[in-house]
Amino acid sequence: MQNEYEIKKEMCEIGKRVYMRGMVAANDGNFSVKLNDHEFLCTPTGVSKGFMTPEYICKVDENGDVIQANKGFKPSSEIKMHMRVYKERPDVNAVVHAHPLYATTFAICGIPLTEPIMPEAVIALGCVPIAKYGRPSTMEIPDAVSEYLQYFDAVLLENHGALSYSDSLLNAYHKMESVEFYARLLYQSKMLGEPQKFSPQQVEDLYEIRRQFGMKGKHPANLCPNAKAGKPSCHSCGGSCKSTAAPAAADDADLVASITKKVMEQLGL
């Protein structure tokens, strides 16, 4: 098991990878690691993630309040978003937020990553929906992200960037890499023409492979209502399958039927 200093060193290494791969510019991006239910390590605000050393890393509690930070360093202003993830996903031990070029381009255009075009993306990510825009450092972003936490392990942030989370910092980073690679493939394939997408049966076959692998996290293979009912998966729904839209629609239909019945009774029909 890693000690605290080793985790800080790993955070610095991940910072270099994120920076060198162009997933952040200047001082952008932030990530964190859960030590226990009350202590978390996080990157500081206002520094390049590619040039950090262990003494840069801050420690905060579950409310984002500082437990320990060296002089001149303070936690990322986006720590509220990280804390929401940890609160609502007890299985998550690390969170990565970055601005990868292609994934962020899709986020800016309001296009979720839902087209099943390569096995690895379908198996590892399933879908990557878009959380609605929120002002940085406010509760608007955590509230927007919260809508998708129980259904996905990565999410685009409208006009902002991307967020990934997993059971370890390395896995959370790898998920961010996968999101960006998927976005780049989708973008470039659209430049050549319309990408060939997997059929519903091919998607289900890939989902079954994921289930056989016993992969952790949230994924349509395990959570999609259609898949659970033995129907074709709603892989390309963009996350709408997790909403209460269907029950609400049923309620509306019942209301309309009730009103219609009363009107007909009053008319003597």
Protein backbone atom coordinates (compact mmCIF):
# COMPACT_ATOMS: atom_id res chain seq x y z
CA MET A 1 0.00 0.00 0.00
CA GLN A 2 1.31 3.45 -0.95
CA ASN A 3 2.15 5.91 1.78
CA GLU A 4 1.15 9.55 1.52
CA TYR A 5 4.45 10.73 0.05
CA GLU A 6 4.36 8.02 -2.63
CA ILE A 7 0.84 9.10 -3.60
CA LYS A 8 2.03 12.72 -3.88
CA LYS A 9 4.84 11.59 -6.18
CA GLU A 10 2.35 9.66 -8.31
CA MET A 11 0.15 12.76 -8.56
CA CYS A 12 3.14 14.71 -9.83
CA GLU A 13 3.89 11.99 -12.40
CA ILE A 14 0.29 11.98 -13.61
CA GLY A 15 0.50 15.78 -13.80
CA LYS A 16 3.45 15.46 -16.17
CA ARG A 17 1.59 12.95 -18.34
CA VAL A 18 -1.52 15.12 -18.54
CA TYR A 19 0.59 18.17 -19.42
CA MET A 20 2.84 16.43 -21.96
CA ARG A 21 -0.15 14.90 -23.76
CA GLY A 22 -1.67 18.35 -24.20
CA MET A 23 -4.69 17.61 -22.02
CA VAL A 24 -4.17 20.89 -20.18
CA ALA A 25 -2.62 24.26 -20.96
CA ALA A 26 -0.80 26.58 -18.57
CA ASN A 27 -2.26 26.04 -15.07
CA ASP A 28 -5.44 24.21 -16.15
CA GLY A 29 -6.75 20.94 -14.76
CA ASN A 30 -6.86 19.34 -11.33
CA PHE A 31 -7.00 15.91 -9.74
CA SER A 32 -7.30 14.35 -6.33
CA VAL A 33 -6.87 11.11 -4.39
CA LYS A 34 -8.91 9.78 -1.49
CA LEU A 35 -6.85 8.72 1.55
CA ASN A 36 -9.82 7.87 3.73
CA ASP A 37 -13.35 9.16 4.31
CA HIS A 38 -12.04 12.38 5.86
CA GLU A 39 -8.73 13.10 4.11
CA PHE A 40 -7.97 13.79 0.47
CA LEU A 41 -4.90 14.93 -1.46
CA CYS A 42 -5.43 17.41 -4.29
CA THR A 43 -3.47 19.50 -6.74
CA PRO A 44 -3.10 23.21 -5.98
CA THR A 45 -4.61 26.08 -7.89
CA GLY A 46 -2.55 28.37 -10.09
CA VAL A 47 0.30 26.00 -10.94
CA SER A 48 1.18 24.00 -14.04
CA LYS A 49 0.40 20.33 -13.47
CA GLY A 50 3.43 19.44 -15.55
CA PHE A 51 5.92 21.00 -13.14
CA MET A 52 4.68 19.92 -9.72
CA THR A 53 6.76 18.36 -6.97
CA PRO A 54 5.36 16.60 -3.86
CA GLU A 55 5.42 19.71 -1.68
CA TYR A 56 2.90 21.33 -4.02
CA ILE A 57 0.17 18.83 -3.07
CA CYS A 58 -2.49 19.95 -0.57
CA LYS A 59 -4.54 17.92 1.90
CA VAL A 60 -8.22 18.71 2.50
CA ASP A 61 -11.16 17.21 4.38
CA GLU A 62 -14.48 16.00 2.95
CA ASN A 63 -15.76 19.59 2.90
CA GLY A 64 -12.78 20.80 0.89
CA ASP A 65 -11.34 22.68 3.86
CA VAL A 66 -7.55 22.73 4.14
CA ILE A 67 -5.92 20.28 6.53
CA GLN A 68 -2.38 20.92 5.34
CA ALA A 69 -0.85 23.04 2.57
CA ASN A 70 2.62 24.49 2.25
CA LYS A 71 3.05 28.25 2.05
CA GLY A 72 2.06 29.65 -1.33
CA PHE A 73 -0.23 26.73 -2.21
CA LYS A 74 -3.96 26.27 -1.82
CA PRO A 75 -6.36 23.62 -3.11
CA SER A 76 -7.87 23.78 -6.57
CA SER A 77 -10.94 25.98 -6.81
CA GLU A 78 -12.75 22.98 -8.36
CA ILE A 79 -12.39 20.86 -5.22
CA LYS A 80 -16.19 21.03 -4.73
CA MET A 81 -16.64 18.96 -7.89
CA HIS A 82 -14.22 16.32 -6.62
CA MET A 83 -15.90 16.12 -3.22
CA ARG A 84 -19.28 15.56 -4.87
CA VAL A 85 -17.89 12.60 -6.77
CA TYR A 86 -16.45 11.04 -3.61
CA LYS A 87 -19.66 11.65 -1.68
CA GLU A 88 -21.92 10.01 -4.26
CA ARG A 89 -19.55 7.30 -5.48
CA PRO A 90 -17.97 5.48 -2.48
CA ASP A 91 -16.18 3.15 -4.92
CA VAL A 92 -14.14 6.06 -6.34
CA ASN A 93 -10.68 6.76 -4.96
CA ALA A 94 -9.38 9.28 -7.50
CA VAL A 95 -10.72 12.04 -9.76
CA VAL A 96 -9.10 13.64 -12.81
CA HIS A 97 -10.30 16.83 -14.48
CA ALA A 98 -8.62 18.05 -17.67
CA HIS A 99 -9.27 19.89 -20.92
CA PRO A 100 -8.28 17.33 -23.59
CA LEU A 101 -8.52 18.99 -27.00
CA TYR A 102 -10.88 16.68 -28.90
CA ALA A 103 -13.11 15.72 -25.98
CA THR A 104 -13.45 19.38 -25.00
CA THR A 105 -14.29 20.24 -28.62
CA PHE A 106 -17.23 17.84 -28.43
CA ALA A 107 -18.22 19.35 -25.07
CA ILE A 108 -18.16 22.85 -26.58
CA CYS A 109 -20.33 21.70 -29.49
CA GLY A 110 -22.77 19.97 -27.15
CA ILE A 111 -22.16 16.52 -28.65
CA PRO A 112 -21.92 13.58 -26.23
CA LEU A 113 -19.61 10.66 -27.00
CA THR A 114 -22.19 7.95 -27.56
CA GLU A 115 -21.53 6.47 -31.01
CA PRO A 116 -20.30 2.86 -30.75
CA ILE A 117 -17.38 2.85 -33.17
CA MET A 118 -14.59 0.85 -31.51
CA PRO A 119 -14.61 -2.15 -29.14
CA GLU A 120 -12.33 -0.64 -26.51
CA ALA A 121 -14.47 2.46 -26.10
CA VAL A 122 -17.71 0.48 -25.88
CA ILE A 123 -16.23 -1.93 -23.33
CA ALA A 124 -14.30 0.57 -21.20
CA LEU A 125 -16.47 3.70 -21.38
CA GLY A 126 -19.88 2.75 -22.68
CA CYS A 127 -21.07 6.33 -23.17
CA VAL A 128 -19.75 9.73 -22.16
CA PRO A 129 -22.65 12.18 -21.66
CA ILE A 130 -22.44 15.96 -21.24
CA ALA A 131 -23.18 17.70 -17.94
CA LYS A 132 -24.77 21.11 -18.43
CA TYR A 133 -22.61 24.21 -18.10
CA GLY A 134 -21.79 25.57 -14.67
CA ARG A 135 -19.70 28.51 -13.55
CA PRO A 136 -16.20 27.42 -12.43
CA SER A 137 -15.63 27.05 -8.66
CA THR A 138 -19.39 27.24 -7.92
CA MET A 139 -21.79 24.50 -6.86
CA GLU A 140 -23.31 24.61 -10.34
CA ILE A 141 -20.71 22.16 -11.69
CA PRO A 142 -21.03 19.58 -8.88
CA ASP A 143 -24.81 19.75 -9.22
CA ALA A 144 -24.61 19.23 -12.99
CA VAL A 145 -22.15 16.34 -12.69
CA SER A 146 -24.19 14.70 -9.93
CA GLU A 147 -26.91 13.84 -12.44
CA TYR A 148 -24.60 11.33 -14.15
CA LEU A 149 -22.40 9.94 -11.37
CA GLN A 150 -24.44 6.81 -10.75
CA TYR A 151 -24.48 5.85 -14.42
CA PHE A 152 -21.10 6.70 -15.95
CA ASP A 153 -17.39 6.78 -15.07
CA ALA A 154 -16.59 9.79 -17.25
CA VAL A 155 -18.51 12.86 -18.28
CA LEU A 156 -17.95 15.86 -20.53
CA LEU A 157 -18.46 19.30 -19.00
CA GLU A 158 -20.31 21.62 -21.34
CA ASN A 159 -18.00 24.36 -22.67
CA HIS A 160 -15.39 23.32 -20.13
CA GLY A 161 -13.60 19.96 -20.39
CA ALA A 162 -13.87 16.40 -19.13
CA LEU A 163 -14.04 14.54 -15.82
CA SER A 164 -13.09 10.93 -15.10
CA TYR A 165 -12.97 8.96 -11.87
CA SER A 166 -12.04 5.45 -10.80
CA ASP A 167 -10.70 3.23 -8.02
CA SER A 168 -7.13 4.53 -8.43
CA LEU A 169 -5.42 7.61 -9.79
CA LEU A 170 -3.78 5.66 -12.60
CA ASN A 171 -7.11 4.16 -13.66
CA ALA A 172 -8.83 7.56 -13.52
CA TYR A 173 -6.06 8.96 -15.73
CA HIS A 174 -6.31 6.02 -18.14
CA LYS A 175 -10.04 6.66 -18.41
CA MET A 176 -9.32 10.28 -19.35
CA GLU A 177 -6.88 9.04 -22.01
CA SER A 178 -9.59 6.72 -23.35
CA VAL A 179 -12.12 9.55 -23.51
CA GLU A 180 -9.72 11.72 -25.50
CA PHE A 181 -8.66 8.91 -27.85
CA TYR A 182 -12.31 8.01 -28.50
CA ALA A 183 -13.17 11.66 -29.16
CA ARG A 184 -10.26 12.04 -31.57
CA LEU A 185 -11.20 8.90 -33.50
CA LEU A 186 -14.82 10.00 -33.73
CA TYR A 187 -13.82 13.48 -34.90
CA GLN A 188 -11.39 12.25 -37.55
CA SER A 189 -13.73 9.54 -38.83
CA LYS A 190 -16.42 12.18 -39.30
CA MET A 191 -13.95 14.21 -41.33
CA LEU A 192 -13.65 11.26 -43.75
CA GLY A 193 -17.35 10.49 -43.84
CA GLU A 194 -20.00 8.93 -41.64
CA PRO A 195 -18.38 6.46 -39.20
CA GLN A 196 -19.59 2.87 -39.34
CA LYS A 197 -21.28 2.10 -36.03
CA PHE A 198 -21.77 -1.26 -34.38
CA SER A 199 -25.20 -2.85 -34.57
CA PRO A 200 -27.24 -3.25 -31.36
CA GLN A 201 -26.30 -6.93 -31.26
CA GLN A 202 -22.60 -6.13 -31.67
CA VAL A 203 -22.87 -3.62 -28.83
CA GLU A 204 -24.52 -6.23 -26.63
CA ASP A 205 -21.78 -8.72 -27.49
CA LEU A 206 -19.17 -6.19 -26.33
CA TYR A 207 -21.17 -5.51 -23.17
CA GLU A 208 -21.14 -9.23 -22.44
CA ILE A 209 -17.35 -9.25 -22.80
CA ARG A 210 -17.18 -6.47 -20.21
CA ARG A 211 -19.42 -8.43 -17.86
CA GLN A 212 -17.24 -11.52 -18.29
CA PHE A 213 -14.16 -9.46 -17.49
CA GLY A 214 -15.82 -8.39 -14.23
CA MET A 215 -14.79 -4.79 -14.80
CA LYS A 216 -15.58 -2.35 -11.99
CA GLY A 217 -17.40 0.98 -12.23
CA LYS A 218 -20.67 2.20 -13.70
CA HIS A 219 -21.48 1.22 -17.27
CA PRO A 220 -24.54 0.73 -19.52
CA ALA A 221 -23.72 -2.99 -19.67
CA ASN A 222 -24.85 -3.26 -16.07
CA LEU A 223 -27.18 -0.28 -15.68
CA CYS A 224 -29.04 0.24 -18.95
CA PRO A 225 -32.77 -0.36 -18.30
CA ASN A 226 -33.21 -1.89 -21.76
CA ALA A 227 -30.28 -4.25 -21.28
CA LYS A 228 -31.65 -5.34 -17.91
CA ALA A 229 -34.99 -6.10 -19.57
CA GLY A 230 -33.30 -8.22 -22.23
CA LYS A 231 -33.86 -5.61 -24.94
CA PRO A 232 -31.26 -3.94 -27.20
CA SER A 233 -29.13 -1.54 -25.21
CA CYS A 234 -29.78 2.19 -25.45
CA HIS A 235 -26.06 2.76 -25.97
CA SER A 236 -26.52 5.96 -27.94
CA CYS A 237 -29.08 7.59 -25.67
CA GLY A 238 -26.53 10.06 -24.28
CA GLY A 239 -27.55 9.30 -20.72
CA SER A 240 -31.24 10.02 -21.05
CA CYS A 241 -32.05 6.44 -20.09
CA LYS A 242 -31.15 7.17 -16.49
CA SER A 243 -33.74 9.92 -16.16
CA THR A 244 -37.27 9.68 -14.87
CA ALA A 245 -38.64 10.75 -18.24
CA ALA A 246 -40.50 7.49 -18.86
CA PRO A 247 -42.39 7.43 -15.53
CA ALA A 248 -43.16 11.14 -15.91
CA ALA A 249 -44.57 10.52 -19.37
CA ALA A 250 -46.74 7.73 -17.97
CA ASP A 251 -48.01 10.07 -15.25
CA ASP A 252 -48.83 12.69 -17.86
CA ALA A 253 -50.72 10.11 -19.93
CA ASP A 254 -52.76 9.07 -16.88
CA LEU A 255 -53.56 12.71 -16.13
CA VAL A 256 -54.69 13.37 -19.70
CA ALA A 257 -56.86 10.22 -19.65
CA SER A 258 -58.45 11.28 -16.35
CA ILE A 259 -59.25 14.78 -17.61
CA THR A 260 -60.64 13.41 -20.87
CA LYS A 261 -62.91 11.02 -18.96
CA LYS A 262 -64.32 13.84 -16.79
CA VAL A 263 -64.90 16.08 -19.80
CA MET A 264 -66.73 13.29 -21.63
CA GLU A 265 -68.88 12.61 -18.54
CA GLN A 266 -69.84 16.28 -18.32
CA LEU A 267 -70.77 16.25 -22.00
CA GLY A 268 -72.85 13.16 -21.47
CA LEU A 269 -70.69 11.12 -23.85
